[in-house]
Amino acid sequence: MRTNTWTARTLAVAVTAASLGALPATGASAATSGSRPLPLPPVKVLTDRAGTGGGDIFISPFSESSAYASGVEILSQNGRKVVWSHAVPAGQEASDFRTQTYQGQPVLTWWQGSGLGGLSTGVDVVYNDHYQKIAEVKAGNGDSADGHEFLITPRNTALVISYTEATANLTAIGGRADQKVIDGIVQEIDIRTGKVLFQWNSADHVPYAQSEQPLPASSSTPWDWFHLNAVKLDSAGNLILDARNTWTAYEVSRSSGRVLWQLGGKDSSFKVKAAPGQKLNEAGEIFSWQHDPQPLGDGRYTFFDNESAGVANTGTGAVAELPYSRVVTVRLNARTHQATLVGSVDQPAKLSASSQGNAQTLDDGDVVVGWGSLPYFSEFSRSGKLLFNAEFPAGVNTYRAYRFDWK
């Protein structure tokens, strides 16, 4: 399973382009075990009820087992057939595999590299509908793209995330004067030219004191105090950023970089409450250690609420506030500064995902969920009924899961 700091991860697997009878992708190099290509991990469908959304399933399975490869994969609507799969170079992995629109055309996009979630190294790639690479996006200003997010905007720019190491004086919060820290960076990049159009650094806008992450024992151990894991576009054109280790989502001005509001954590702009039938966690929060804010319009947002970051990451004093992960829907009232938990769907087996995860709301109101470090992905109806549930072998997961129409 991927660890939460993820810095100790190594890929013990090589990568192949074919799985379960799929045709090899053009240009993909198959990794081998002896003379045989390694397969991508099989998927076992546990639940498949009528009413699932149309479109194919997009996953990027990562395996710690030497029996399987890692890569990107499109599955049929019922999850039982591989439509297309693609290899990344041996020693790398892929993340955030989905369809987007670039220059008015549908494309496939993903990140590939190593060290996802820590001081990672990688690039974002764009493939056309003939499965040919047409663009590659690298972070600028000496940074390297991290795999948490690769979002193409309507103006053909890319929003990407990077992590960078710095030194900070943390004596004001009980730390050391020379503590190594990991700051989160957002860049907007012109895909065609590679020019950085906008840059935001967490250390310039958020106090270290907002972190929920315990300080390390040594100043030479980088403190992952922020852990930026998502950047989205809000309806007003501003950015919605999410930081797991401050338990906070931030709305940020796309022009000035100023934080306009914060939801959750130690300095929230909103008072929180739960609608009838809903439950705040034991800390009185809507979410903690969360991922993937998704603006739905009308002041509503979904979040993947991990509620855990694992004992290895947080120590025994800061484990899950709830015993399982869930997807929450929140309504924000900017006038009254009220945040209301209006809906939630729980992990079907009541399990806790200590890292990763996403929730995609489809046009019909169904919600597709990738359960992060858990080996599952699911779909729920608008009313919360489990329509689809699938499982990887032990030791395999996908950072996010989606459902899209693709031809």
Protein backbone atom coordinates (compact mmCIF):
# COMPACT_ATOMS: atom_id res chain seq x y z
CA MET A 1 0.00 0.00 0.00
CA ARG A 2 1.22 3.49 -0.74
CA THR A 3 2.44 5.16 2.40
CA ASN A 4 1.20 8.59 3.35
CA THR A 5 4.52 10.38 3.21
CA TRP A 6 5.20 8.26 0.15
CA THR A 7 8.90 9.19 0.23
CA ALA A 8 10.00 5.63 0.93
CA ARG A 9 8.15 4.21 -2.04
CA THR A 10 10.07 2.32 -4.68
CA LEU A 11 8.60 0.62 -7.67
CA ALA A 12 9.46 -3.04 -7.58
CA VAL A 13 7.41 -3.68 -10.67
CA ALA A 14 8.04 -3.08 -14.33
CA VAL A 15 5.32 -1.92 -16.70
CA THR A 16 3.47 -3.45 -19.62
CA ALA A 17 0.98 -2.23 -22.19
CA ALA A 18 -1.42 -5.15 -22.20
CA SER A 19 -3.74 -6.69 -19.61
CA LEU A 20 -6.50 -9.27 -19.63
CA GLY A 21 -6.60 -9.52 -23.39
CA ALA A 22 -6.19 -5.81 -24.15
CA LEU A 23 -4.39 -4.82 -27.30
CA PRO A 24 -0.95 -3.29 -26.63
CA ALA A 25 -0.91 0.49 -26.94
CA THR A 26 1.01 2.01 -29.80
CA GLY A 27 4.51 2.86 -28.70
CA ALA A 28 4.22 1.13 -25.31
CA SER A 29 7.13 -1.00 -24.22
CA ALA A 30 6.16 -4.16 -22.35
CA ALA A 31 8.12 -4.99 -19.21
CA THR A 32 8.89 -8.63 -18.70
CA SER A 33 9.37 -11.21 -15.99
CA GLY A 34 11.91 -13.44 -17.70
CA SER A 35 10.52 -13.52 -21.24
CA ARG A 36 6.87 -12.93 -20.34
CA PRO A 37 5.15 -9.53 -20.18
CA LEU A 38 3.73 -8.63 -16.80
CA PRO A 39 -0.05 -8.10 -16.80
CA LEU A 40 -1.79 -5.10 -15.31
CA PRO A 41 -3.68 -6.14 -12.18
CA PRO A 42 -7.03 -7.87 -12.74
CA VAL A 43 -10.24 -6.19 -11.58
CA LYS A 44 -12.95 -8.15 -9.78
CA VAL A 45 -16.45 -6.69 -10.06
CA LEU A 46 -18.24 -7.09 -6.73
CA THR A 47 -21.45 -5.14 -7.45
CA ASP A 48 -23.01 -4.21 -10.80
CA ARG A 49 -26.61 -2.95 -10.61
CA ALA A 50 -28.74 -1.24 -13.24
CA GLY A 51 -28.52 2.53 -13.39
CA THR A 52 -24.78 3.11 -13.56
CA GLY A 53 -23.62 6.09 -15.58
CA GLY A 54 -22.67 5.68 -19.20
CA GLY A 55 -19.09 5.80 -20.34
CA ASP A 56 -15.93 3.88 -19.63
CA ILE A 57 -13.97 3.60 -16.40
CA PHE A 58 -10.56 5.31 -16.15
CA ILE A 59 -8.03 4.03 -13.63
CA SER A 60 -4.25 4.13 -13.11
CA PRO A 61 -3.45 0.97 -11.15
CA PHE A 62 -0.28 0.99 -9.09
CA SER A 63 1.04 -2.33 -7.81
CA GLU A 64 3.62 -3.08 -5.18
CA SER A 65 3.64 -6.71 -6.27
CA SER A 66 6.21 -8.02 -8.72
CA ALA A 67 3.39 -10.08 -10.24
CA TYR A 68 1.72 -7.05 -11.82
CA ALA A 69 2.61 -3.98 -13.83
CA SER A 70 1.53 -0.38 -13.22
CA GLY A 71 0.05 1.91 -15.86
CA VAL A 72 -3.13 3.54 -17.17
CA GLU A 73 -6.23 1.65 -18.23
CA ILE A 74 -9.68 2.22 -19.73
CA LEU A 75 -12.30 -0.37 -18.73
CA SER A 76 -15.69 -0.93 -20.31
CA GLN A 77 -18.84 0.39 -18.62
CA ASN A 78 -19.31 -2.79 -16.57
CA GLY A 79 -15.62 -2.98 -15.65
CA ARG A 80 -15.14 -6.43 -17.16
CA LYS A 81 -13.29 -5.60 -20.38
CA VAL A 82 -10.09 -3.66 -20.99
CA VAL A 83 -10.70 -1.13 -23.76
CA TRP A 84 -7.15 0.28 -23.80
CA SER A 85 -4.06 0.25 -21.62
CA HIS A 86 -0.68 1.91 -21.79
CA ALA A 87 2.74 1.46 -20.21
CA VAL A 88 4.90 4.00 -18.45
CA PRO A 89 8.67 3.44 -18.33
CA ALA A 90 9.94 0.83 -15.91
CA GLY A 91 10.57 2.35 -12.49
CA GLN A 92 7.77 4.91 -12.92
CA GLU A 93 4.03 4.98 -12.30
CA ALA A 94 1.05 6.88 -13.66
CA SER A 95 -1.57 8.97 -11.89
CA ASP A 96 -4.74 11.03 -12.45
CA PHE A 97 -5.70 9.36 -15.75
CA ARG A 98 -8.73 10.99 -17.37
CA THR A 99 -10.18 12.67 -20.43
CA GLN A 100 -9.99 16.44 -20.90
CA THR A 101 -10.36 18.97 -23.71
CA TYR A 102 -7.34 20.62 -25.33
CA GLN A 103 -7.59 23.03 -28.26
CA GLY A 104 -11.22 22.03 -28.65
CA GLN A 105 -10.50 18.30 -29.00
CA PRO A 106 -10.96 15.39 -26.57
CA VAL A 107 -7.66 14.11 -25.19
CA LEU A 108 -6.31 11.63 -22.65
CA THR A 109 -4.10 13.01 -19.90
CA TRP A 110 -2.06 11.65 -17.01
CA TRP A 111 1.06 12.20 -14.93
CA GLN A 112 3.96 9.79 -15.00
CA GLY A 113 7.05 9.74 -12.83
CA SER A 114 8.26 8.56 -9.46
CA GLY A 115 7.88 9.53 -5.81
CA LEU A 116 4.22 10.57 -6.00
CA GLY A 117 3.21 12.39 -2.84
CA GLY A 118 6.71 13.33 -1.74
CA LEU A 119 9.48 15.24 -3.47
CA SER A 120 8.40 13.62 -6.72
CA THR A 121 9.80 13.83 -10.23
CA GLY A 122 7.60 13.58 -13.28
CA VAL A 123 5.85 15.09 -16.30
CA ASP A 124 2.27 15.42 -17.51
CA VAL A 125 1.36 14.04 -20.92
CA VAL A 126 -1.44 14.64 -23.42
CA TYR A 127 -2.56 12.00 -25.95
CA ASN A 128 -5.05 12.50 -28.78
CA ASP A 129 -7.94 10.18 -29.65
CA HIS A 130 -5.60 8.16 -31.88
CA TYR A 131 -3.48 7.35 -28.79
CA GLN A 132 -0.60 9.52 -29.97
CA LYS A 133 1.27 11.86 -27.63
CA ILE A 134 0.75 15.46 -28.73
CA ALA A 135 2.06 17.41 -25.73
CA GLU A 136 4.18 17.08 -22.62
CA VAL A 137 3.95 19.54 -19.74
CA LYS A 138 6.78 20.12 -17.30
CA ALA A 139 6.74 22.31 -14.23
CA GLY A 140 8.73 25.52 -14.59
CA ASN A 141 11.19 27.53 -12.51
CA GLY A 142 13.31 24.49 -11.72
CA ASP A 143 10.47 22.47 -10.19
CA SER A 144 9.12 19.05 -11.18
CA ALA A 145 5.47 18.16 -11.69
CA ASP A 146 3.79 16.07 -9.01
CA GLY A 147 1.06 13.58 -9.89
CA HIS A 148 -1.73 14.85 -7.66
CA GLU A 149 -3.24 17.12 -10.32
CA PHE A 150 -3.00 17.90 -14.03
CA LEU A 151 -5.93 20.13 -15.04
CA ILE A 152 -6.30 21.68 -18.49
CA THR A 153 -8.18 24.99 -18.39
CA PRO A 154 -10.53 26.43 -21.05
CA ARG A 155 -7.71 28.74 -22.20
CA ASN A 156 -5.43 25.78 -23.03
CA THR A 157 -3.22 26.23 -20.00
CA ALA A 158 -2.38 23.59 -17.42
CA LEU A 159 -2.69 23.77 -13.65
CA VAL A 160 -0.02 21.56 -12.06
CA ILE A 161 1.34 20.89 -8.58
CA SER A 162 4.94 20.70 -7.39
CA TYR A 163 6.60 20.07 -4.04
CA THR A 164 9.77 21.87 -3.08
CA GLU A 165 12.13 21.57 -0.10
CA ALA A 166 13.07 24.66 1.91
CA THR A 167 14.38 25.59 5.36
CA ALA A 168 12.17 27.41 7.86
CA ASN A 169 12.51 28.86 11.35
CA LEU A 170 9.79 27.11 13.34
CA THR A 171 10.77 28.21 16.85
CA ALA A 172 7.51 30.16 17.13
CA ILE A 173 5.56 26.88 17.02
CA GLY A 174 7.95 24.81 19.11
CA GLY A 175 10.17 23.64 16.27
CA ARG A 176 13.76 24.22 15.25
CA ALA A 177 15.31 27.25 13.61
CA ASP A 178 16.68 25.21 10.71
CA GLN A 179 13.82 22.78 10.02
CA LYS A 180 13.60 21.29 6.54
CA VAL A 181 10.05 21.71 5.19
CA ILE A 182 8.14 20.66 2.08
CA ASP A 183 6.15 23.52 0.55
CA GLY A 184 3.37 23.14 -2.02
CA ILE A 185 3.48 25.01 -5.33
CA VAL A 186 0.76 25.61 -7.91
CA GLN A 187 1.70 26.73 -11.41
CA GLU A 188 -0.39 27.68 -14.40
CA ILE A 189 1.58 26.85 -17.53
CA ASP A 190 0.98 27.62 -21.19
CA ILE A 191 0.96 24.14 -22.70
CA ARG A 192 2.23 25.22 -26.11
CA THR A 193 5.19 27.31 -24.91
CA GLY A 194 5.88 25.94 -21.41
CA LYS A 195 5.80 29.45 -19.97
CA VAL A 196 4.80 29.81 -16.32
CA LEU A 197 1.90 32.27 -16.19
CA PHE A 198 1.12 32.08 -12.47
CA GLN A 199 2.81 30.62 -9.40
CA TRP A 200 1.61 30.20 -5.82
CA ASN A 201 3.68 28.89 -2.91
CA SER A 202 1.99 27.72 0.29
CA ALA A 203 4.72 29.20 2.49
CA ASP A 204 3.93 32.71 1.19
CA HIS A 205 0.23 32.58 2.10
CA VAL A 206 -0.42 30.03 4.88
CA PRO A 207 1.18 30.02 8.37
CA TYR A 208 3.04 26.87 9.37
CA ALA A 209 0.98 26.88 12.57
CA GLN A 210 -2.08 25.76 10.59
CA SER A 211 -0.60 22.30 10.06
CA GLU A 212 -2.09 19.23 11.74
CA GLN A 213 1.04 17.23 10.94
CA PRO A 214 3.36 16.59 13.91
CA LEU A 215 6.86 17.99 13.70
CA PRO A 216 9.57 15.44 12.88
CA ALA A 217 12.16 14.36 15.43
CA SER A 218 15.03 15.76 13.38
CA SER A 219 15.47 19.11 11.63
CA SER A 220 16.99 17.28 8.66
CA THR A 221 13.79 15.27 8.11
CA PRO A 222 11.60 17.33 5.74
CA TRP A 223 8.31 18.30 7.42
CA ASP A 224 5.39 17.75 5.04
CA TRP A 225 3.36 20.43 6.77
CA PHE A 226 0.95 21.34 3.94
CA HIS A 227 0.68 18.43 1.46
CA LEU A 228 -1.05 20.17 -1.42
CA ASN A 229 -3.09 17.59 -3.32
CA ALA A 230 -5.57 19.35 -5.62
CA VAL A 231 -6.18 22.50 -7.65
CA LYS A 232 -9.53 23.18 -9.33
CA LEU A 233 -11.27 26.07 -11.07
CA ASP A 234 -14.22 27.57 -9.23
CA SER A 235 -17.22 29.06 -11.03
CA ALA A 236 -15.82 32.58 -10.57
CA GLY A 237 -12.52 31.58 -12.20
CA ASN A 238 -10.58 31.47 -8.93
CA LEU A 239 -8.61 28.45 -7.75
CA ILE A 240 -9.72 25.93 -5.16
CA LEU A 241 -6.67 24.36 -3.50
CA ASP A 242 -6.71 21.48 -1.05
CA ALA A 243 -4.10 20.69 1.60
CA ARG A 244 -4.37 17.37 3.40
CA ASN A 245 -2.11 18.23 6.32
CA THR A 246 -3.90 21.45 7.31
CA TRP A 247 -7.37 19.83 6.89
CA THR A 248 -8.22 22.88 4.76
CA ALA A 249 -9.48 23.87 1.33
CA TYR A 250 -8.57 27.36 0.11
CA GLU A 251 -10.14 29.65 -2.47
CA VAL A 252 -7.27 31.61 -4.03
CA SER A 253 -7.38 34.60 -6.35
CA ARG A 254 -6.08 33.60 -9.76
CA SER A 255 -4.67 37.09 -10.28
CA SER A 256 -3.09 38.01 -6.93
CA GLY A 257 -2.69 34.62 -5.19
CA ARG A 258 -4.46 35.98 -2.10
CA VAL A 259 -6.43 33.47 -0.02
CA LEU A 260 -10.09 34.56 -0.27
CA TRP A 261 -11.54 31.98 2.12
CA GLN A 262 -10.61 28.81 3.99
CA LEU A 263 -12.82 25.83 4.76
CA GLY A 264 -11.81 23.53 7.61
CA GLY A 265 -8.75 23.41 9.80
CA LYS A 266 -7.52 25.86 12.43
CA ASP A 267 -8.50 29.15 10.76
CA SER A 268 -11.69 28.40 8.83
CA SER A 269 -13.71 31.25 7.35
CA PHE A 270 -16.88 29.24 8.01
CA LYS A 271 -18.77 27.88 10.98
CA VAL A 272 -19.76 24.28 10.29
CA LYS A 273 -22.92 22.33 10.96
CA ALA A 274 -24.49 19.09 9.80
CA ALA A 275 -27.89 18.86 8.14
CA PRO A 276 -30.38 16.39 9.64
CA GLY A 277 -29.15 12.84 9.16
CA GLN A 278 -25.52 13.92 8.68
CA LYS A 279 -22.64 13.75 11.14
CA LEU A 280 -19.58 15.89 11.77
CA ASN A 281 -16.48 14.03 12.89
CA GLU A 282 -15.29 13.86 16.50
CA ALA A 283 -13.18 16.99 16.02
CA GLY A 284 -16.32 18.89 14.99
CA GLU A 285 -15.10 19.10 11.39
CA ILE A 286 -16.72 18.14 8.11
CA PHE A 287 -13.54 16.43 6.92
CA SER A 288 -9.93 15.69 7.82
CA TRP A 289 -6.86 14.55 5.82
CA GLN A 290 -9.12 15.13 2.78
CA HIS A 291 -8.58 15.12 -1.00
CA ASP A 292 -10.18 16.29 -4.25
CA PRO A 293 -12.54 19.25 -3.74
CA GLN A 294 -14.98 19.41 -6.64
CA PRO A 295 -17.05 22.59 -7.22
CA LEU A 296 -20.60 21.62 -8.24
CA GLY A 297 -22.03 25.13 -8.54
CA ASP A 298 -24.54 26.95 -6.34
CA GLY A 299 -22.05 26.98 -3.47
CA ARG A 300 -21.85 23.17 -3.30
CA TYR A 301 -18.65 21.11 -3.19
CA THR A 302 -17.76 17.47 -2.76
CA PHE A 303 -14.65 16.25 -0.92
CA PHE A 304 -13.07 12.85 -0.50
CA ASP A 305 -12.95 12.70 3.28
CA ASN A 306 -10.14 10.30 4.22
CA GLU A 307 -10.57 10.86 7.98
CA SER A 308 -7.16 9.23 8.39
CA ALA A 309 -3.58 9.64 7.34
CA GLY A 310 -2.32 6.43 8.92
CA VAL A 311 -0.37 5.89 12.12
CA ALA A 312 2.92 5.83 10.20
CA ASN A 313 2.28 9.39 9.03
CA THR A 314 0.57 11.08 11.95
CA GLY A 315 1.51 9.05 15.03
CA THR A 316 -0.96 7.52 17.43
CA GLY A 317 -2.22 10.91 18.57
CA ALA A 318 -3.76 11.99 15.27
CA VAL A 319 -5.50 9.08 13.63
CA ALA A 320 -8.95 8.94 12.10
CA GLU A 321 -11.76 10.94 13.68
CA LEU A 322 -14.25 8.55 12.08
CA PRO A 323 -13.60 4.82 11.64
CA TYR A 324 -14.04 4.95 7.86
CA SER A 325 -13.59 7.16 4.80
CA ARG A 326 -16.47 8.81 2.97
CA VAL A 327 -17.44 11.35 0.33
CA VAL A 328 -19.06 14.50 1.70
CA THR A 329 -21.13 17.21 0.03
CA VAL A 330 -20.87 20.70 1.53
CA ARG A 331 -22.92 23.84 0.89
CA LEU A 332 -21.15 27.15 1.58
CA ASN A 333 -23.00 30.39 2.33
CA ALA A 334 -20.52 33.21 1.78
CA ARG A 335 -22.91 35.80 3.22
CA THR A 336 -23.48 34.06 6.57
CA HIS A 337 -20.10 32.27 6.61
CA GLN A 338 -21.86 28.97 7.19
CA ALA A 339 -20.71 25.58 5.86
CA THR A 340 -23.30 22.82 6.00
CA LEU A 341 -22.65 19.10 5.56
CA VAL A 342 -25.63 18.18 3.38
CA GLY A 343 -24.73 14.69 2.16
CA SER A 344 -22.30 11.80 2.50
CA VAL A 345 -21.67 8.31 1.17
CA ASP A 346 -19.57 5.87 3.20
CA GLN A 347 -16.94 3.42 2.08
CA PRO A 348 -19.02 0.28 1.39
CA ALA A 349 -17.01 -1.97 3.72
CA LYS A 350 -16.56 0.84 6.30
CA LEU A 351 -12.80 0.92 5.66
CA SER A 352 -10.36 3.78 6.09
CA ALA A 353 -8.21 5.10 3.21
CA SER A 354 -5.05 6.52 4.72
CA SER A 355 -4.11 8.38 1.52
CA GLN A 356 -5.35 9.44 -1.95
CA GLY A 357 -8.93 9.22 -3.24
CA ASN A 358 -11.45 11.20 -5.32
CA ALA A 359 -15.14 11.69 -6.04
CA GLN A 360 -16.57 12.54 -9.48
CA THR A 361 -20.20 13.69 -9.75
CA LEU A 362 -21.75 12.63 -13.07
CA ASP A 363 -24.38 14.57 -15.01
CA ASP A 364 -27.17 12.34 -13.66
CA GLY A 365 -26.06 12.89 -10.06
CA ASP A 366 -24.29 9.55 -9.62
CA VAL A 367 -20.96 9.72 -7.79
CA VAL A 368 -17.90 7.72 -8.93
CA VAL A 369 -15.39 7.17 -6.13
CA GLY A 370 -11.79 6.03 -6.17
CA TRP A 371 -11.02 4.83 -2.65
CA GLY A 372 -7.38 5.89 -2.72
CA SER A 373 -5.03 3.57 -0.86
CA LEU A 374 -7.81 0.98 -0.59
CA PRO A 375 -8.06 -1.49 -3.52
CA TYR A 376 -11.58 -0.42 -4.55
CA PHE A 377 -13.53 1.92 -6.81
CA SER A 378 -17.28 2.42 -6.73
CA GLU A 379 -20.33 4.26 -8.08
CA PHE A 380 -23.32 5.48 -6.05
CA SER A 381 -26.71 6.73 -7.20
CA ARG A 382 -27.95 10.24 -6.41
CA SER A 383 -29.77 8.77 -3.40
CA GLY A 384 -26.62 7.03 -2.12
CA LYS A 385 -27.36 3.48 -3.31
CA LEU A 386 -24.29 1.43 -4.22
CA LEU A 387 -24.57 0.66 -7.95
CA PHE A 388 -21.07 -0.52 -8.79
CA ASN A 389 -18.12 -1.74 -6.77
CA ALA A 390 -14.87 -3.32 -7.98
CA GLU A 391 -11.74 -4.60 -6.32
CA PHE A 392 -8.05 -4.91 -7.18
CA PRO A 393 -5.79 -7.62 -5.75
CA ALA A 394 -4.22 -6.84 -2.37
CA GLY A 395 -1.40 -4.30 -2.66
CA VAL A 396 -2.91 -2.55 -5.72
CA ASN A 397 -4.73 0.78 -5.80
CA THR A 398 -5.54 3.70 -8.07
CA TYR A 399 -4.98 7.30 -6.94
CA ARG A 400 -8.24 8.38 -8.59
CA ALA A 401 -11.00 6.70 -10.60
CA TYR A 402 -13.34 8.28 -13.16
CA ARG A 403 -16.09 7.47 -15.63
CA PHE A 404 -16.08 9.25 -19.02
CA ASP A 405 -17.51 8.90 -22.50
CA TRP A 406 -14.62 8.11 -24.85
CA LYS A 407 -14.40 7.23 -28.51
